[in-house]
Amino acid sequence: MPNTAKERKALYKEKSSIGLCPRCSARTDGFIYCEDCRAYFRSYNKEISEKVNEVRKAKYLERKNNRQCPRCGKKLRKKYTNIICADCLEKQYSYNS
């Protein structure tokens, strides 16, 4: 088992160049990783993203209920009608244009 990043990278390149999965050394069908490893990565990433989304949704709702901007947490004025503060709206508009 390679110990350094340089050795791991060399082994990865060697296996993928001859059509083997770099993770389990199984034969691949045109992809870098085999079907089993790709399924593992998909399920792992799905679990992580679900947890992150739950935390984000909870933070969004908490800030919204406290009359704060959901993005930056800045307190909103009482008569302010938008959900997002003016600074965050300006940033969003600059990104979109």
N, C-alpha and C. Protein backbone atom coordinates (compact mmCIF):
# COMPACT_ATOMS: atom_id res chain seq x y z
N MET A 1 0.84 -1.18 0.00
CA MET A 1 0.00 0.00 0.00
C MET A 1 0.89 1.24 0.00
N PRO A 2 0.69 2.15 -0.95
CA PRO A 2 1.53 3.34 -1.03
C PRO A 2 1.28 4.27 0.17
N ASN A 3 2.37 4.89 0.63
CA ASN A 3 2.28 5.73 1.82
C ASN A 3 2.20 7.22 1.50
N THR A 4 2.81 7.65 0.44
CA THR A 4 2.83 9.08 0.14
C THR A 4 1.82 9.40 -0.96
N ALA A 5 1.49 10.68 -1.04
CA ALA A 5 0.54 11.12 -2.06
C ALA A 5 1.10 10.88 -3.46
N LYS A 6 2.39 11.04 -3.61
CA LYS A 6 3.02 10.84 -4.91
C LYS A 6 2.89 9.37 -5.35
N GLU A 7 3.10 8.45 -4.43
CA GLU A 7 2.97 7.02 -4.73
C GLU A 7 1.52 6.66 -5.06
N ARG A 8 0.58 7.22 -4.29
CA ARG A 8 -0.84 6.94 -4.54
C ARG A 8 -1.27 7.46 -5.91
N LYS A 9 -0.77 8.64 -6.26
CA LYS A 9 -1.11 9.22 -7.56
C LYS A 9 -0.55 8.38 -8.70
N ALA A 10 0.68 7.90 -8.53
CA ALA A 10 1.30 7.06 -9.57
C ALA A 10 0.53 5.75 -9.73
N LEU A 11 0.11 5.14 -8.62
CA LEU A 11 -0.65 3.90 -8.67
C LEU A 11 -2.01 4.13 -9.33
N TYR A 12 -2.65 5.25 -8.99
CA TYR A 12 -3.94 5.61 -9.59
C TYR A 12 -3.81 5.73 -11.11
N LYS A 13 -2.81 6.46 -11.56
CA LYS A 13 -2.61 6.64 -13.00
C LYS A 13 -2.30 5.32 -13.70
N GLU A 14 -1.49 4.50 -13.06
CA GLU A 14 -1.12 3.21 -13.65
C GLU A 14 -2.36 2.32 -13.82
N LYS A 15 -3.15 2.20 -12.76
CA LYS A 15 -4.35 1.34 -12.82
C LYS A 15 -5.36 1.87 -13.83
N SER A 16 -5.62 3.18 -13.80
CA SER A 16 -6.64 3.72 -14.70
C SER A 16 -6.18 3.66 -16.16
N SER A 17 -4.89 3.73 -16.42
CA SER A 17 -4.40 3.67 -17.81
C SER A 17 -4.57 2.28 -18.42
N ILE A 18 -4.56 1.24 -17.60
CA ILE A 18 -4.72 -0.12 -18.14
C ILE A 18 -6.15 -0.65 -17.99
N GLY A 19 -7.08 0.24 -17.58
CA GLY A 19 -8.49 -0.14 -17.53
C GLY A 19 -8.93 -0.81 -16.25
N LEU A 20 -8.20 -0.59 -15.16
CA LEU A 20 -8.59 -1.15 -13.87
C LEU A 20 -9.10 -0.04 -12.96
N CYS A 21 -10.01 -0.40 -12.08
CA CYS A 21 -10.55 0.54 -11.10
C CYS A 21 -9.44 0.89 -10.11
N PRO A 22 -9.14 2.16 -9.90
CA PRO A 22 -8.07 2.54 -8.97
C PRO A 22 -8.37 2.18 -7.52
N ARG A 23 -9.64 1.98 -7.20
CA ARG A 23 -10.02 1.70 -5.81
C ARG A 23 -9.96 0.21 -5.49
N CYS A 24 -10.50 -0.64 -6.38
CA CYS A 24 -10.60 -2.07 -6.06
C CYS A 24 -9.91 -2.97 -7.09
N SER A 25 -9.35 -2.42 -8.12
CA SER A 25 -8.62 -3.14 -9.18
C SER A 25 -9.51 -4.05 -10.04
N ALA A 26 -10.81 -3.82 -10.05
CA ALA A 26 -11.71 -4.57 -10.93
C ALA A 26 -11.64 -3.98 -12.33
N ARG A 27 -12.00 -4.76 -13.33
CA ARG A 27 -12.00 -4.31 -14.72
C ARG A 27 -13.14 -3.29 -14.88
N THR A 28 -12.86 -2.19 -15.60
CA THR A 28 -13.88 -1.15 -15.82
C THR A 28 -14.38 -1.20 -17.25
N ASP A 29 -15.50 -0.55 -17.49
CA ASP A 29 -16.12 -0.55 -18.80
C ASP A 29 -16.19 0.87 -19.36
N GLY A 30 -15.04 1.49 -19.57
CA GLY A 30 -15.00 2.81 -20.16
C GLY A 30 -14.99 3.95 -19.15
N PHE A 31 -15.24 3.64 -17.90
CA PHE A 31 -15.20 4.64 -16.84
C PHE A 31 -13.90 4.46 -16.05
N ILE A 32 -13.58 5.43 -15.23
CA ILE A 32 -12.38 5.30 -14.40
C ILE A 32 -12.63 4.28 -13.29
N TYR A 33 -13.78 4.39 -12.63
CA TYR A 33 -14.11 3.47 -11.54
C TYR A 33 -15.10 2.41 -12.03
N CYS A 34 -15.11 1.25 -11.38
CA CYS A 34 -16.04 0.17 -11.74
C CYS A 34 -17.44 0.54 -11.26
N GLU A 35 -18.41 -0.24 -11.66
CA GLU A 35 -19.82 0.04 -11.32
C GLU A 35 -20.05 -0.01 -9.81
N ASP A 36 -19.44 -0.97 -9.13
CA ASP A 36 -19.63 -1.08 -7.68
C ASP A 36 -19.07 0.14 -6.95
N CYS A 37 -17.90 0.58 -7.33
CA CYS A 37 -17.29 1.75 -6.68
C CYS A 37 -18.08 3.02 -7.00
N ARG A 38 -18.57 3.14 -8.23
CA ARG A 38 -19.39 4.31 -8.58
C ARG A 38 -20.67 4.32 -7.77
N ALA A 39 -21.29 3.16 -7.56
CA ALA A 39 -22.50 3.08 -6.74
C ALA A 39 -22.19 3.46 -5.29
N TYR A 40 -21.05 3.02 -4.80
CA TYR A 40 -20.63 3.38 -3.44
C TYR A 40 -20.48 4.89 -3.31
N PHE A 41 -19.79 5.53 -4.26
CA PHE A 41 -19.58 6.98 -4.21
C PHE A 41 -20.91 7.73 -4.31
N ARG A 42 -21.83 7.24 -5.17
CA ARG A 42 -23.12 7.90 -5.31
C ARG A 42 -23.89 7.86 -3.99
N SER A 43 -23.94 6.70 -3.34
CA SER A 43 -24.69 6.59 -2.10
C SER A 43 -24.02 7.39 -0.99
N TYR A 44 -22.70 7.39 -0.95
CA TYR A 44 -21.98 8.15 0.07
C TYR A 44 -22.24 9.65 -0.09
N ASN A 45 -22.13 10.13 -1.32
CA ASN A 45 -22.36 11.55 -1.57
C ASN A 45 -23.80 11.94 -1.30
N LYS A 46 -24.74 11.03 -1.57
CA LYS A 46 -26.15 11.33 -1.32
C LYS A 46 -26.40 11.49 0.18
N GLU A 47 -25.81 10.62 0.99
CA GLU A 47 -25.98 10.71 2.44
C GLU A 47 -25.41 12.02 2.97
N ILE A 48 -24.24 12.38 2.51
CA ILE A 48 -23.59 13.62 2.97
C ILE A 48 -24.42 14.82 2.57
N SER A 49 -24.87 14.87 1.31
CA SER A 49 -25.62 16.03 0.85
C SER A 49 -26.97 16.14 1.55
N GLU A 50 -27.59 15.02 1.90
CA GLU A 50 -28.86 15.07 2.64
C GLU A 50 -28.65 15.69 4.02
N LYS A 51 -27.57 15.32 4.69
CA LYS A 51 -27.28 15.88 6.01
C LYS A 51 -27.01 17.38 5.92
N VAL A 52 -26.23 17.77 4.92
CA VAL A 52 -25.91 19.19 4.75
C VAL A 52 -27.18 19.98 4.44
N ASN A 53 -28.05 19.45 3.59
CA ASN A 53 -29.28 20.14 3.24
C ASN A 53 -30.20 20.30 4.44
N GLU A 54 -30.26 19.30 5.32
CA GLU A 54 -31.09 19.42 6.52
C GLU A 54 -30.60 20.56 7.40
N VAL A 55 -29.29 20.66 7.58
CA VAL A 55 -28.72 21.73 8.40
C VAL A 55 -28.99 23.09 7.76
N ARG A 56 -28.82 23.19 6.45
CA ARG A 56 -29.07 24.45 5.75
C ARG A 56 -30.53 24.87 5.86
N LYS A 57 -31.46 23.93 5.70
CA LYS A 57 -32.88 24.25 5.79
C LYS A 57 -33.25 24.72 7.19
N ALA A 58 -32.70 24.07 8.21
CA ALA A 58 -32.98 24.46 9.59
C ALA A 58 -32.46 25.87 9.87
N LYS A 59 -31.26 26.16 9.40
CA LYS A 59 -30.68 27.50 9.59
C LYS A 59 -31.50 28.55 8.86
N TYR A 60 -31.93 28.23 7.63
CA TYR A 60 -32.75 29.15 6.83
C TYR A 60 -34.04 29.47 7.56
N LEU A 61 -34.74 28.43 8.03
CA LEU A 61 -36.02 28.66 8.70
C LEU A 61 -35.86 29.42 10.01
N GLU A 62 -34.81 29.11 10.75
CA GLU A 62 -34.56 29.81 12.01
C GLU A 62 -34.32 31.30 11.75
N ARG A 63 -33.49 31.60 10.78
CA ARG A 63 -33.21 33.00 10.47
C ARG A 63 -34.45 33.72 9.94
N LYS A 64 -35.21 33.03 9.11
CA LYS A 64 -36.41 33.64 8.54
C LYS A 64 -37.43 33.95 9.64
N ASN A 65 -37.60 33.04 10.58
CA ASN A 65 -38.54 33.25 11.68
C ASN A 65 -38.09 34.35 12.63
N ASN A 66 -36.79 34.60 12.73
CA ASN A 66 -36.25 35.64 13.59
C ASN A 66 -36.09 36.97 12.86
N ARG A 67 -36.67 37.10 11.67
CA ARG A 67 -36.56 38.30 10.83
C ARG A 67 -35.12 38.67 10.56
N GLN A 68 -34.34 37.65 10.17
CA GLN A 68 -32.96 37.85 9.76
C GLN A 68 -32.84 37.45 8.29
N CYS A 69 -31.83 37.99 7.64
CA CYS A 69 -31.54 37.58 6.28
C CYS A 69 -31.08 36.12 6.32
N PRO A 70 -31.71 35.23 5.55
CA PRO A 70 -31.33 33.81 5.58
C PRO A 70 -29.91 33.56 5.08
N ARG A 71 -29.34 34.46 4.31
CA ARG A 71 -28.00 34.23 3.76
C ARG A 71 -26.90 34.69 4.70
N CYS A 72 -27.02 35.92 5.23
CA CYS A 72 -25.92 36.46 6.02
C CYS A 72 -26.27 36.59 7.51
N GLY A 73 -27.55 36.51 7.87
CA GLY A 73 -27.95 36.58 9.27
C GLY A 73 -28.17 37.99 9.80
N LYS A 74 -28.08 38.98 8.92
CA LYS A 74 -28.28 40.36 9.33
C LYS A 74 -29.74 40.58 9.74
N LYS A 75 -29.96 41.32 10.82
CA LYS A 75 -31.32 41.61 11.29
C LYS A 75 -32.01 42.54 10.30
N LEU A 76 -33.27 42.22 9.93
CA LEU A 76 -34.03 43.02 8.98
C LEU A 76 -34.92 44.02 9.72
N ARG A 77 -35.15 45.18 9.09
CA ARG A 77 -36.02 46.19 9.69
C ARG A 77 -37.45 45.69 9.71
N LYS A 78 -38.28 46.29 10.57
CA LYS A 78 -39.66 45.83 10.71
C LYS A 78 -40.48 46.03 9.45
N LYS A 79 -40.28 47.14 8.75
CA LYS A 79 -41.10 47.42 7.57
C LYS A 79 -40.46 46.93 6.27
N TYR A 80 -39.36 46.23 6.38
CA TYR A 80 -38.68 45.68 5.21
C TYR A 80 -39.49 44.49 4.71
N THR A 81 -39.85 44.49 3.42
CA THR A 81 -40.78 43.48 2.91
C THR A 81 -40.10 42.26 2.29
N ASN A 82 -38.85 42.41 1.83
CA ASN A 82 -38.15 41.27 1.22
C ASN A 82 -37.65 40.32 2.30
N ILE A 83 -37.41 39.10 1.91
CA ILE A 83 -36.87 38.10 2.84
C ILE A 83 -35.36 38.27 2.95
N ILE A 84 -34.70 38.60 1.83
CA ILE A 84 -33.24 38.73 1.79
C ILE A 84 -32.87 40.21 1.94
N CYS A 85 -31.80 40.49 2.67
CA CYS A 85 -31.40 41.89 2.90
C CYS A 85 -30.93 42.54 1.60
N ALA A 86 -30.83 43.87 1.62
CA ALA A 86 -30.48 44.64 0.42
C ALA A 86 -29.08 44.29 -0.06
N ASP A 87 -28.14 44.08 0.85
CA ASP A 87 -26.76 43.75 0.45
C ASP A 87 -26.71 42.42 -0.29
N CYS A 88 -27.40 41.41 0.25
CA CYS A 88 -27.40 40.09 -0.40
C CYS A 88 -28.14 40.13 -1.74
N LEU A 89 -29.22 40.93 -1.82
CA LEU A 89 -29.93 41.07 -3.09
C LEU A 89 -29.03 41.72 -4.13
N GLU A 90 -28.28 42.74 -3.71
CA GLU A 90 -27.36 43.41 -4.63
C GLU A 90 -26.30 42.43 -5.15
N LYS A 91 -25.76 41.60 -4.25
CA LYS A 91 -24.78 40.59 -4.66
C LYS A 91 -25.39 39.62 -5.66
N GLN A 92 -26.62 39.18 -5.37
CA GLN A 92 -27.29 38.23 -6.27
C GLN A 92 -27.51 38.85 -7.64
N TYR A 93 -27.94 40.08 -7.67
CA TYR A 93 -28.16 40.75 -8.96
C TYR A 93 -26.85 40.92 -9.74
N SER A 94 -25.75 41.20 -9.01
CA SER A 94 -24.47 41.36 -9.71
C SER A 94 -23.97 40.01 -10.26
N TYR A 95 -24.26 38.90 -9.57
CA TYR A 95 -23.87 37.59 -10.07
C TYR A 95 -24.65 37.24 -11.33
N ASN A 96 -25.94 37.59 -11.34
CA ASN A 96 -26.82 37.20 -12.44
C ASN A 96 -26.64 38.06 -13.68
N SER A 97 -26.03 39.22 -13.53
CA SER A 97 -25.91 40.10 -14.71
C SER A 97 -24.57 39.98 -15.37
